[in-house]
Amino acid sequence: MTAEPGMWRPEDDWTLLIGQKIEIHEQGRILDEGRVEDVTKDGYVLWLEMDGATCRRIIEKSPVRQVKVL
């Protein structure tokens, strides 16, 4: 899948994302989708709860990584 530029604004403050359903985008492509289970106090790491074979993943903030709230 490819992200559609200009259709949404990425969320920079990850501390606001707990409980939200999100997509993780990197360089215009969707990497993951799920619900944010928890976020570190500094907002640089989140735990993404997903459906399927992989049920949980840790995501680290990066300059090329963006979060879209669904």
PDB file of N, CA and C in Angstrom:
ATOM      1  N   MET A   1       0.834  -1.182   0.000  1.00  0.00           N
ATOM      2  CA  MET A   1       0.000   0.000   0.000  1.00  0.00           C
ATOM      3  C   MET A   1       0.872   1.236   0.000  1.00  0.00           C
ATOM      4  N   THR A   2       0.372   2.286  -0.604  1.00  0.00           N
ATOM      5  CA  THR A   2       1.103   3.538  -0.655  1.00  0.00           C
ATOM      6  C   THR A   2       0.262   4.636  -0.032  1.00  0.00           C
ATOM      7  N   ALA A   3       0.894   5.487   0.765  1.00  0.00           N
ATOM      8  CA  ALA A   3       0.189   6.598   1.394  1.00  0.00           C
ATOM      9  C   ALA A   3      -0.140   7.660   0.356  1.00  0.00           C
ATOM     10  N   GLU A   4      -1.261   8.328   0.539  1.00  0.00           N
ATOM     11  CA  GLU A   4      -1.648   9.399  -0.360  1.00  0.00           C
ATOM     12  C   GLU A   4      -1.194  10.722   0.235  1.00  0.00           C
ATOM     13  N   PRO A   5      -0.174  11.377  -0.371  1.00  0.00           N
ATOM     14  CA  PRO A   5       0.359  12.618   0.187  1.00  0.00           C
ATOM     15  C   PRO A   5      -0.699  13.717   0.205  1.00  0.00           C
ATOM     16  N   GLY A   6      -0.663  14.545   1.246  1.00  0.00           N
ATOM     17  CA  GLY A   6      -1.569  15.663   1.355  1.00  0.00           C
ATOM     18  C   GLY A   6      -2.948  15.320   1.902  1.00  0.00           C
ATOM     19  N   MET A   7      -3.262  14.059   2.106  1.00  0.00           N
ATOM     20  CA  MET A   7      -4.575  13.649   2.572  1.00  0.00           C
ATOM     21  C   MET A   7      -4.679  13.652   4.107  1.00  0.00           C
ATOM     22  N   TRP A   8      -3.551  13.693   4.797  1.00  0.00           N
ATOM     23  CA  TRP A   8      -3.565  13.648   6.251  1.00  0.00           C
ATOM     24  C   TRP A   8      -2.293  14.276   6.790  1.00  0.00           C
ATOM     25  N   ARG A   9      -2.328  14.620   8.070  1.00  0.00           N
ATOM     26  CA  ARG A   9      -1.167  15.205   8.731  1.00  0.00           C
ATOM     27  C   ARG A   9      -0.667  14.225   9.784  1.00  0.00           C
ATOM     28  N   PRO A  10       0.620  13.887   9.769  1.00  0.00           N
ATOM     29  CA  PRO A  10       1.136  12.928  10.753  1.00  0.00           C
ATOM     30  C   PRO A  10       1.054  13.477  12.178  1.00  0.00           C
ATOM     31  N   GLU A  11       0.858  12.571  13.134  1.00  0.00           N
ATOM     32  CA  GLU A  11       0.830  12.934  14.552  1.00  0.00           C
ATOM     33  C   GLU A  11       2.253  12.882  15.088  1.00  0.00           C
ATOM     34  N   ASP A  12       2.762  14.019  15.541  1.00  0.00           N
ATOM     35  CA  ASP A  12       4.130  14.095  16.047  1.00  0.00           C
ATOM     36  C   ASP A  12       4.242  13.766  17.532  1.00  0.00           C
ATOM     37  N   ASP A  13       3.195  14.029  18.298  1.00  0.00           N
ATOM     38  CA  ASP A  13       3.224  13.774  19.737  1.00  0.00           C
ATOM     39  C   ASP A  13       2.657  12.389  20.013  1.00  0.00           C
ATOM     40  N   TRP A  14       3.526  11.409  20.082  1.00  0.00           N
ATOM     41  CA  TRP A  14       3.105  10.026  20.267  1.00  0.00           C
ATOM     42  C   TRP A  14       2.503   9.778  21.642  1.00  0.00           C
ATOM     43  N   THR A  15       2.738  10.655  22.609  1.00  0.00           N
ATOM     44  CA  THR A  15       2.170  10.451  23.941  1.00  0.00           C
ATOM     45  C   THR A  15       0.647  10.574  23.933  1.00  0.00           C
ATOM     46  N   LEU A  16       0.075  11.132  22.885  1.00  0.00           N
ATOM     47  CA  LEU A  16      -1.372  11.294  22.767  1.00  0.00           C
ATOM     48  C   LEU A  16      -2.058  10.094  22.119  1.00  0.00           C
ATOM     49  N   LEU A  17      -1.292   9.080  21.745  1.00  0.00           N
ATOM     50  CA  LEU A  17      -1.808   8.004  20.908  1.00  0.00           C
ATOM     51  C   LEU A  17      -2.329   6.770  21.641  1.00  0.00           C
ATOM     52  N   ILE A  18      -2.180   6.690  22.953  1.00  0.00           N
ATOM     53  CA  ILE A  18      -2.600   5.485  23.677  1.00  0.00           C
ATOM     54  C   ILE A  18      -4.084   5.225  23.432  1.00  0.00           C
ATOM     55  N   GLY A  19      -4.378   4.001  22.990  1.00  0.00           N
ATOM     56  CA  GLY A  19      -5.740   3.587  22.710  1.00  0.00           C
ATOM     57  C   GLY A  19      -6.218   3.897  21.297  1.00  0.00           C
ATOM     58  N   GLN A  20      -5.446   4.676  20.543  1.00  0.00           N
ATOM     59  CA  GLN A  20      -5.832   5.065  19.190  1.00  0.00           C
ATOM     60  C   GLN A  20      -5.476   3.975  18.177  1.00  0.00           C
ATOM     61  N   LYS A  21      -6.295   3.838  17.150  1.00  0.00           N
ATOM     62  CA  LYS A  21      -5.970   2.967  16.017  1.00  0.00           C
ATOM     63  C   LYS A  21      -5.151   3.810  15.049  1.00  0.00           C
ATOM     64  N   ILE A  22      -3.987   3.278  14.621  1.00  0.00           N
ATOM     65  CA  ILE A  22      -3.064   4.053  13.793  1.00  0.00           C
ATOM     66  C   ILE A  22      -2.492   3.214  12.650  1.00  0.00           C
ATOM     67  N   GLU A  23      -1.877   3.909  11.719  1.00  0.00           N
ATOM     68  CA  GLU A  23      -1.022   3.305  10.688  1.00  0.00           C
ATOM     69  C   GLU A  23       0.366   3.885  10.859  1.00  0.00           C
ATOM     70  N   ILE A  24       1.383   3.059  10.648  1.00  0.00           N
ATOM     71  CA  ILE A  24       2.767   3.501  10.641  1.00  0.00           C
ATOM     72  C   ILE A  24       3.187   3.599   9.183  1.00  0.00           C
ATOM     73  N   HIS A  25       3.643   4.781   8.779  1.00  0.00           N
ATOM     74  CA  HIS A  25       4.091   5.022   7.402  1.00  0.00           C
ATOM     75  C   HIS A  25       5.590   5.292   7.396  1.00  0.00           C
ATOM     76  N   GLU A  26       6.258   4.802   6.379  1.00  0.00           N
ATOM     77  CA  GLU A  26       7.685   5.077   6.195  1.00  0.00           C
ATOM     78  C   GLU A  26       7.953   5.233   4.707  1.00  0.00           C
ATOM     79  N   GLN A  27       8.450   6.404   4.330  1.00  0.00           N
ATOM     80  CA  GLN A  27       8.791   6.716   2.942  1.00  0.00           C
ATOM     81  C   GLN A  27       7.614   6.434   1.997  1.00  0.00           C
ATOM     82  N   GLY A  28       6.399   6.865   2.421  1.00  0.00           N
ATOM     83  CA  GLY A  28       5.224   6.739   1.572  1.00  0.00           C
ATOM     84  C   GLY A  28       4.554   5.385   1.563  1.00  0.00           C
ATOM     85  N   ARG A  29       5.040   4.439   2.364  1.00  0.00           N
ATOM     86  CA  ARG A  29       4.447   3.095   2.394  1.00  0.00           C
ATOM     87  C   ARG A  29       3.920   2.799   3.797  1.00  0.00           C
ATOM     88  N   ILE A  30       2.821   2.058   3.860  1.00  0.00           N
ATOM     89  CA  ILE A  30       2.266   1.645   5.146  1.00  0.00           C
ATOM     90  C   ILE A  30       3.021   0.403   5.623  1.00  0.00           C
ATOM     91  N   LEU A  31       3.611   0.506   6.817  1.00  0.00           N
ATOM     92  CA  LEU A  31       4.367  -0.614   7.387  1.00  0.00           C
ATOM     93  C   LEU A  31       3.511  -1.477   8.302  1.00  0.00           C
ATOM     94  N   ASP A  32       2.712  -0.832   9.152  1.00  0.00           N
ATOM     95  CA  ASP A  32       1.928  -1.535  10.156  1.00  0.00           C
ATOM     96  C   ASP A  32       0.646  -0.782  10.432  1.00  0.00           C
ATOM     97  N   GLU A  33      -0.304  -1.505  11.018  1.00  0.00           N
ATOM     98  CA  GLU A  33      -1.558  -0.901  11.451  1.00  0.00           C
ATOM     99  C   GLU A  33      -2.007  -1.619  12.707  1.00  0.00           C
ATOM    100  N   GLY A  34      -2.513  -0.864  13.667  1.00  0.00           N
ATOM    101  CA  GLY A  34      -2.997  -1.470  14.891  1.00  0.00           C
ATOM    102  C   GLY A  34      -3.408  -0.431  15.910  1.00  0.00           C
ATOM    103  N   ARG A  35      -3.580  -0.889  17.154  1.00  0.00           N
ATOM    104  CA  ARG A  35      -3.973  -0.008  18.248  1.00  0.00           C
ATOM    105  C   ARG A  35      -2.772   0.213  19.152  1.00  0.00           C
ATOM    106  N   VAL A  36      -2.550   1.462  19.555  1.00  0.00           N
ATOM    107  CA  VAL A  36      -1.421   1.793  20.424  1.00  0.00           C
ATOM    108  C   VAL A  36      -1.752   1.339  21.835  1.00  0.00           C
ATOM    109  N   GLU A  37      -0.967   0.385  22.312  1.00  0.00           N
ATOM    110  CA  GLU A  37      -1.168  -0.166  23.647  1.00  0.00           C
ATOM    111  C   GLU A  37      -0.539   0.717  24.720  1.00  0.00           C
ATOM    112  N   ASP A  38       0.665   1.230  24.428  1.00  0.00           N
ATOM    113  CA  ASP A  38       1.364   2.072  25.404  1.00  0.00           C
ATOM    114  C   ASP A  38       2.430   2.888  24.688  1.00  0.00           C
ATOM    115  N   VAL A  39       2.888   3.940  25.351  1.00  0.00           N
ATOM    116  CA  VAL A  39       3.922   4.832  24.814  1.00  0.00           C
ATOM    117  C   VAL A  39       4.846   5.202  25.968  1.00  0.00           C
ATOM    118  N   THR A  40       6.144   5.310  25.692  1.00  0.00           N
ATOM    119  CA  THR A  40       7.071   5.760  26.728  1.00  0.00           C
ATOM    120  C   THR A  40       6.773   7.212  27.086  1.00  0.00           C
ATOM    121  N   LYS A  41       7.169   7.632  28.284  1.00  0.00           N
ATOM    122  CA  LYS A  41       6.899   9.002  28.737  1.00  0.00           C
ATOM    123  C   LYS A  41       7.493  10.061  27.827  1.00  0.00           C
ATOM    124  N   ASP A  42       8.642   9.748  27.208  1.00  0.00           N
ATOM    125  CA  ASP A  42       9.266  10.724  26.310  1.00  0.00           C
ATOM    126  C   ASP A  42       8.666  10.701  24.896  1.00  0.00           C
ATOM    127  N   GLY A  43       7.779   9.749  24.619  1.00  0.00           N
ATOM    128  CA  GLY A  43       7.082   9.693  23.339  1.00  0.00           C
ATOM    129  C   GLY A  43       7.909   9.191  22.171  1.00  0.00           C
ATOM    130  N   TYR A  44       9.005   8.494  22.435  1.00  0.00           N
ATOM    131  CA  TYR A  44       9.865   8.017  21.346  1.00  0.00           C
ATOM    132  C   TYR A  44       9.677   6.547  21.006  1.00  0.00           C
ATOM    133  N   VAL A  45       8.918   5.831  21.818  1.00  0.00           N
ATOM    134  CA  VAL A  45       8.685   4.409  21.567  1.00  0.00           C
ATOM    135  C   VAL A  45       7.219   4.113  21.867  1.00  0.00           C
ATOM    136  N   LEU A  46       6.588   3.301  20.983  1.00  0.00           N
ATOM    137  CA  LEU A  46       5.223   2.871  21.267  1.00  0.00           C
ATOM    138  C   LEU A  46       5.106   1.377  21.052  1.00  0.00           C
ATOM    139  N   TRP A  47       4.110   0.784  21.713  1.00  0.00           N
ATOM    140  CA  TRP A  47       3.798  -0.628  21.548  1.00  0.00           C
ATOM    141  C   TRP A  47       2.517  -0.707  20.748  1.00  0.00           C
ATOM    142  N   LEU A  48       2.593  -1.371  19.609  1.00  0.00           N
ATOM    143  CA  LEU A  48       1.472  -1.487  18.697  1.00  0.00           C
ATOM    144  C   LEU A  48       0.850  -2.873  18.820  1.00  0.00           C
ATOM    145  N   GLU A  49      -0.426  -2.919  19.154  1.00  0.00           N
ATOM    146  CA  GLU A  49      -1.169  -4.170  19.263  1.00  0.00           C
ATOM    147  C   GLU A  49      -1.862  -4.412  17.915  1.00  0.00           C
ATOM    148  N   MET A  50      -1.627  -5.599  17.323  1.00  0.00           N
ATOM    149  CA  MET A  50      -2.137  -5.889  15.988  1.00  0.00           C
ATOM    150  C   MET A  50      -2.911  -7.195  15.989  1.00  0.00           C
ATOM    151  N   ASP A  51      -3.719  -7.387  14.953  1.00  0.00           N
ATOM    152  CA  ASP A  51      -4.400  -8.657  14.718  1.00  0.00           C
ATOM    153  C   ASP A  51      -3.492  -9.509  13.844  1.00  0.00           C
ATOM    154  N   GLY A  52      -3.629 -10.804  13.916  1.00  0.00           N
ATOM    155  CA  GLY A  52      -2.862 -11.678  13.042  1.00  0.00           C
ATOM    156  C   GLY A  52      -1.772 -12.432  13.771  1.00  0.00           C
ATOM    157  N   ALA A  53      -0.815 -12.938  12.994  1.00  0.00           N
ATOM    158  CA  ALA A  53       0.259 -13.774  13.530  1.00  0.00           C
ATOM    159  C   ALA A  53       1.157 -13.007  14.498  1.00  0.00           C
ATOM    160  N   THR A  54       1.452 -11.771  14.183  1.00  0.00           N
ATOM    161  CA  THR A  54       2.237 -10.927  15.082  1.00  0.00           C
ATOM    162  C   THR A  54       1.249 -10.096  15.877  1.00  0.00           C
ATOM    163  N   CYS A  55       1.182 -10.318  17.190  1.00  0.00           N
ATOM    164  CA  CYS A  55       0.146  -9.648  17.971  1.00  0.00           C
ATOM    165  C   CYS A  55       0.610  -8.350  18.625  1.00  0.00           C
ATOM    166  N   ARG A  56       1.925  -8.123  18.698  1.00  0.00           N
ATOM    167  CA  ARG A  56       2.447  -6.931  19.363  1.00  0.00           C
ATOM    168  C   ARG A  56       3.803  -6.593  18.764  1.00  0.00           C
ATOM    169  N   ARG A  57       4.045  -5.304  18.592  1.00  0.00           N
ATOM    170  CA  ARG A  57       5.312  -4.863  18.018  1.00  0.00           C
ATOM    171  C   ARG A  57       5.719  -3.549  18.662  1.00  0.00           C
ATOM    172  N   ILE A  58       7.015  -3.370  18.855  1.00  0.00           N
ATOM    173  CA  ILE A  58       7.540  -2.118  19.387  1.00  0.00           C
ATOM    174  C   ILE A  58       7.984  -1.256  18.201  1.00  0.00           C
ATOM    175  N   ILE A  59       7.609   0.024  18.239  1.00  0.00           N
ATOM    176  CA  ILE A  59       7.926   0.954  17.157  1.00  0.00           C
ATOM    177  C   ILE A  59       8.711   2.116  17.740  1.00  0.00           C
ATOM    178  N   GLU A  60       9.851   2.413  17.144  1.00  0.00           N
ATOM    179  CA  GLU A  60      10.694   3.515  17.585  1.00  0.00           C
ATOM    180  C   GLU A  60      10.523   4.699  16.643  1.00  0.00           C
ATOM    181  N   LYS A  61      10.437   5.900  17.205  1.00  0.00           N
ATOM    182  CA  LYS A  61      10.289   7.113  16.417  1.00  0.00           C
ATOM    183  C   LYS A  61      11.531   7.315  15.561  1.00  0.00           C
ATOM    184  N   SER A  62      11.317   7.775  14.330  1.00  0.00           N
ATOM    185  CA  SER A  62      12.397   7.988  13.380  1.00  0.00           C
ATOM    186  C   SER A  62      12.006   9.149  12.472  1.00  0.00           C
ATOM    187  N   PRO A  63      12.981   9.890  11.947  1.00  0.00           N
ATOM    188  CA  PRO A  63      12.659  11.010  11.046  1.00  0.00           C
ATOM    189  C   PRO A  63      11.922  10.575   9.775  1.00  0.00           C
ATOM    190  N   VAL A  64      12.073   9.329   9.359  1.00  0.00           N
ATOM    191  CA  VAL A  64      11.411   8.850   8.127  1.00  0.00           C
ATOM    192  C   VAL A  64      10.115   8.098   8.422  1.00  0.00           C
ATOM    193  N   ARG A  65       9.737   8.005   9.697  1.00  0.00           N
ATOM    194  CA  ARG A  65       8.547   7.260  10.115  1.00  0.00           C
ATOM    195  C   ARG A  65       7.461   8.236  10.545  1.00  0.00           C
ATOM    196  N   GLN A  66       6.255   8.011  10.066  1.00  0.00           N
ATOM    197  CA  GLN A  66       5.121   8.886  10.412  1.00  0.00           C
ATOM    198  C   GLN A  66       3.959   8.038  10.934  1.00  0.00           C
ATOM    199  N   VAL A  67       3.124   8.654  11.775  1.00  0.00           N
ATOM    200  CA  VAL A  67       1.952   7.993  12.327  1.00  0.00           C
ATOM    201  C   VAL A  67       0.695   8.696  11.832  1.00  0.00           C
ATOM    202  N   LYS A  68      -0.233   7.901  11.324  1.00  0.00           N
ATOM    203  CA  LYS A  68      -1.539   8.406  10.894  1.00  0.00           C
ATOM    204  C   LYS A  68      -2.589   7.824  11.833  1.00  0.00           C
ATOM    205  N   VAL A  69      -3.374   8.695  12.466  1.00  0.00           N
ATOM    206  CA  VAL A  69      -4.467   8.259  13.323  1.00  0.00           C
ATOM    207  C   VAL A  69      -5.653   7.945  12.418  1.00  0.00           C
ATOM    208  N   LEU A  70      -6.244   6.761  12.619  1.00  0.00           N
ATOM    209  CA  LEU A  70      -7.383   6.345  11.789  1.00  0.00           C
ATOM    210  C   LEU A  70      -8.706   6.746  12.407  1.00  0.00           C
TER     211      LEU A  70
END
